[in-house]
Protein backbone atom coordinates (compact mmCIF):
# COMPACT_ATOMS: atom_id res chain seq x y z
CA MET A 1 33.97 245.24 275.37
CA LYS A 2 36.44 243.41 272.69
CA ASN A 3 33.92 244.30 269.67
CA LEU A 4 34.04 247.66 270.67
CA PHE A 5 35.76 249.00 267.44
CA LEU A 6 36.63 247.41 264.29
CA LEU A 7 39.56 248.52 262.41
CA SER A 8 38.51 248.95 259.06
CA SER A 9 40.94 249.07 256.20
CA LEU A 10 44.12 248.18 257.71
CA LEU A 11 46.03 249.80 255.03
CA LEU A 12 44.01 252.93 253.64
CA LEU A 13 47.29 254.52 251.83
CA SER A 14 49.40 251.55 252.28
CA PHE A 15 53.01 251.52 253.27
CA THR A 16 55.35 254.09 251.84
CA ALA A 17 59.25 253.51 252.52
CA PHE A 18 61.74 256.37 252.94
CA SER A 19 65.03 257.02 252.93
CA GLN A 20 66.12 260.14 253.80
CA THR A 21 63.69 262.35 252.11
CA GLU A 22 62.94 260.53 249.39
CA PHE A 23 59.88 257.97 249.66
CA ILE A 24 60.27 254.49 247.90
CA THR A 25 58.03 251.64 247.50
CA PRO A 26 59.41 248.94 250.00
CA ALA A 27 59.96 245.25 248.47
CA ASN A 28 58.51 243.71 251.80
CA GLU A 29 56.15 246.18 254.01
CA ALA A 30 56.22 245.87 257.72
CA SER A 31 54.18 243.86 259.57
CA TYR A 32 52.81 243.48 263.11
CA VAL A 33 54.92 240.92 264.98
CA GLY A 34 51.32 238.19 264.70
CA GLY A 35 49.86 239.37 261.97
CA GLU A 36 46.78 241.74 261.42
CA ALA A 37 45.06 239.31 263.89
CA ALA A 38 47.34 239.77 266.98
CA MET A 39 47.50 243.73 266.19
CA TYR A 40 43.50 243.68 266.16
CA LYS A 41 43.14 242.53 268.99
CA TYR A 42 45.92 244.57 271.21
CA LEU A 43 44.39 247.75 269.62
CA SER A 44 40.79 246.57 270.93
CA ASP A 45 41.57 245.83 274.29
CA LYS A 46 43.86 249.18 274.56
CA ILE A 47 40.99 251.04 273.51
CA SER A 48 38.12 249.41 275.41
CA GLU A 49 40.12 249.86 278.48
CA LYS A 50 39.83 253.40 277.79
CA ILE A 51 36.21 254.15 276.21
CA ASN A 52 33.09 251.92 277.12
CA TYR A 53 30.68 252.73 274.80
CA LYS A 54 29.95 252.27 271.35
CA VAL A 55 29.54 255.30 268.47
CA GLY A 56 28.74 254.16 264.90
CA GLY A 57 30.63 255.89 262.33
CA ALA A 58 33.21 257.38 264.83
CA LYS A 59 36.56 256.99 262.80
CA VAL A 60 40.12 258.38 263.51
CA TYR A 61 42.79 258.22 260.89
CA THR A 62 45.75 258.03 262.67
CA GLU A 63 49.69 257.86 260.80
CA PHE A 64 53.09 256.44 261.89
CA VAL A 65 56.41 255.56 260.54
CA ILE A 66 57.79 252.47 261.62
CA SER A 67 61.67 252.71 262.26
CA GLU A 68 64.57 250.43 260.33
CA GLN A 69 64.37 248.84 264.02
CA GLY A 70 60.57 248.46 264.44
CA GLU A 71 59.79 250.89 266.70
CA ILE A 72 56.63 253.32 266.32
CA THR A 73 57.41 257.16 265.93
CA ASP A 74 56.06 260.30 264.59
CA ALA A 75 52.22 258.83 265.33
CA LYS A 76 49.99 261.64 264.93
CA ILE A 77 46.07 262.11 264.42
CA ILE A 78 45.58 263.04 260.47
CA ARG A 79 41.84 263.01 260.69
CA GLY A 80 40.20 262.91 264.41
CA TYR A 81 36.31 262.28 265.65
CA ASP A 82 36.51 263.83 269.21
CA ALA A 83 39.26 264.60 271.46
CA LYS A 84 38.72 261.44 273.63
CA PHE A 85 38.64 258.84 270.56
CA ASP A 86 41.89 260.56 269.20
CA GLU A 87 43.82 260.84 272.25
CA VAL A 88 42.67 257.27 273.21
CA SER A 89 44.00 255.62 269.62
CA LEU A 90 46.64 257.77 269.54
CA GLU A 91 48.25 255.91 272.76
CA ALA A 92 47.01 252.81 271.27
CA VAL A 93 49.08 253.46 268.31
CA LYS A 94 51.90 254.58 270.44
CA SER A 95 52.17 251.88 272.58
CA MET A 96 52.15 249.39 270.05
CA PRO A 97 55.13 246.66 270.32
CA LYS A 98 57.87 246.52 267.78
CA TRP A 99 56.88 245.77 264.34
CA ASN A 100 58.68 243.87 261.59
CA PRO A 101 60.33 246.72 259.79
CA ALA A 102 59.79 247.16 256.01
CA THR A 103 62.50 245.90 253.59
CA ASN A 104 64.08 246.95 250.68
CA GLU A 105 65.22 244.52 247.27
CA LYS A 106 68.39 244.01 249.61
CA GLY A 107 66.87 242.66 252.32
CA VAL A 108 67.84 245.86 254.21
CA ALA A 109 65.68 247.56 256.79
CA ILE A 110 63.85 250.80 256.17
CA LYS A 111 61.82 253.16 257.36
CA SER A 112 57.86 253.33 256.62
CA LYS A 113 55.08 255.16 256.66
CA MET A 114 51.46 253.49 257.59
CA VAL A 115 47.83 255.42 257.56
CA LEU A 116 45.50 253.25 260.13
CA PRO A 117 42.04 254.26 260.34
CA VAL A 118 40.23 253.30 264.01
CA SER A 119 36.64 252.75 263.55
CA PHE A 120 34.73 252.58 266.47
CA GLN A 121 31.41 250.62 265.78
């Protein structure tokens, strides 16, 4: 059931990069290796392994940090739907492979935060 869900807007709040405790706008946003389509496929595959039914309108909002090394950290649900959907969405996000990290204007990798809504349709 590859069409189990659609990721609504990839960037709900857009990327926010930060150094120490200050938030800054990155010169180049973090990106999933292989692009958006590859990310959608990865998440769809991971989620459809665990949930095999459709729920129109179900949406789980995840938030995570992409480290300077491109690793997903501090992943959490910021607005859930129900326990099973929340758990499966969070597991899928946490298991994503490394990303290309955001960079500042000097090309130095920096942490960035992302909000990713996952819609089940």
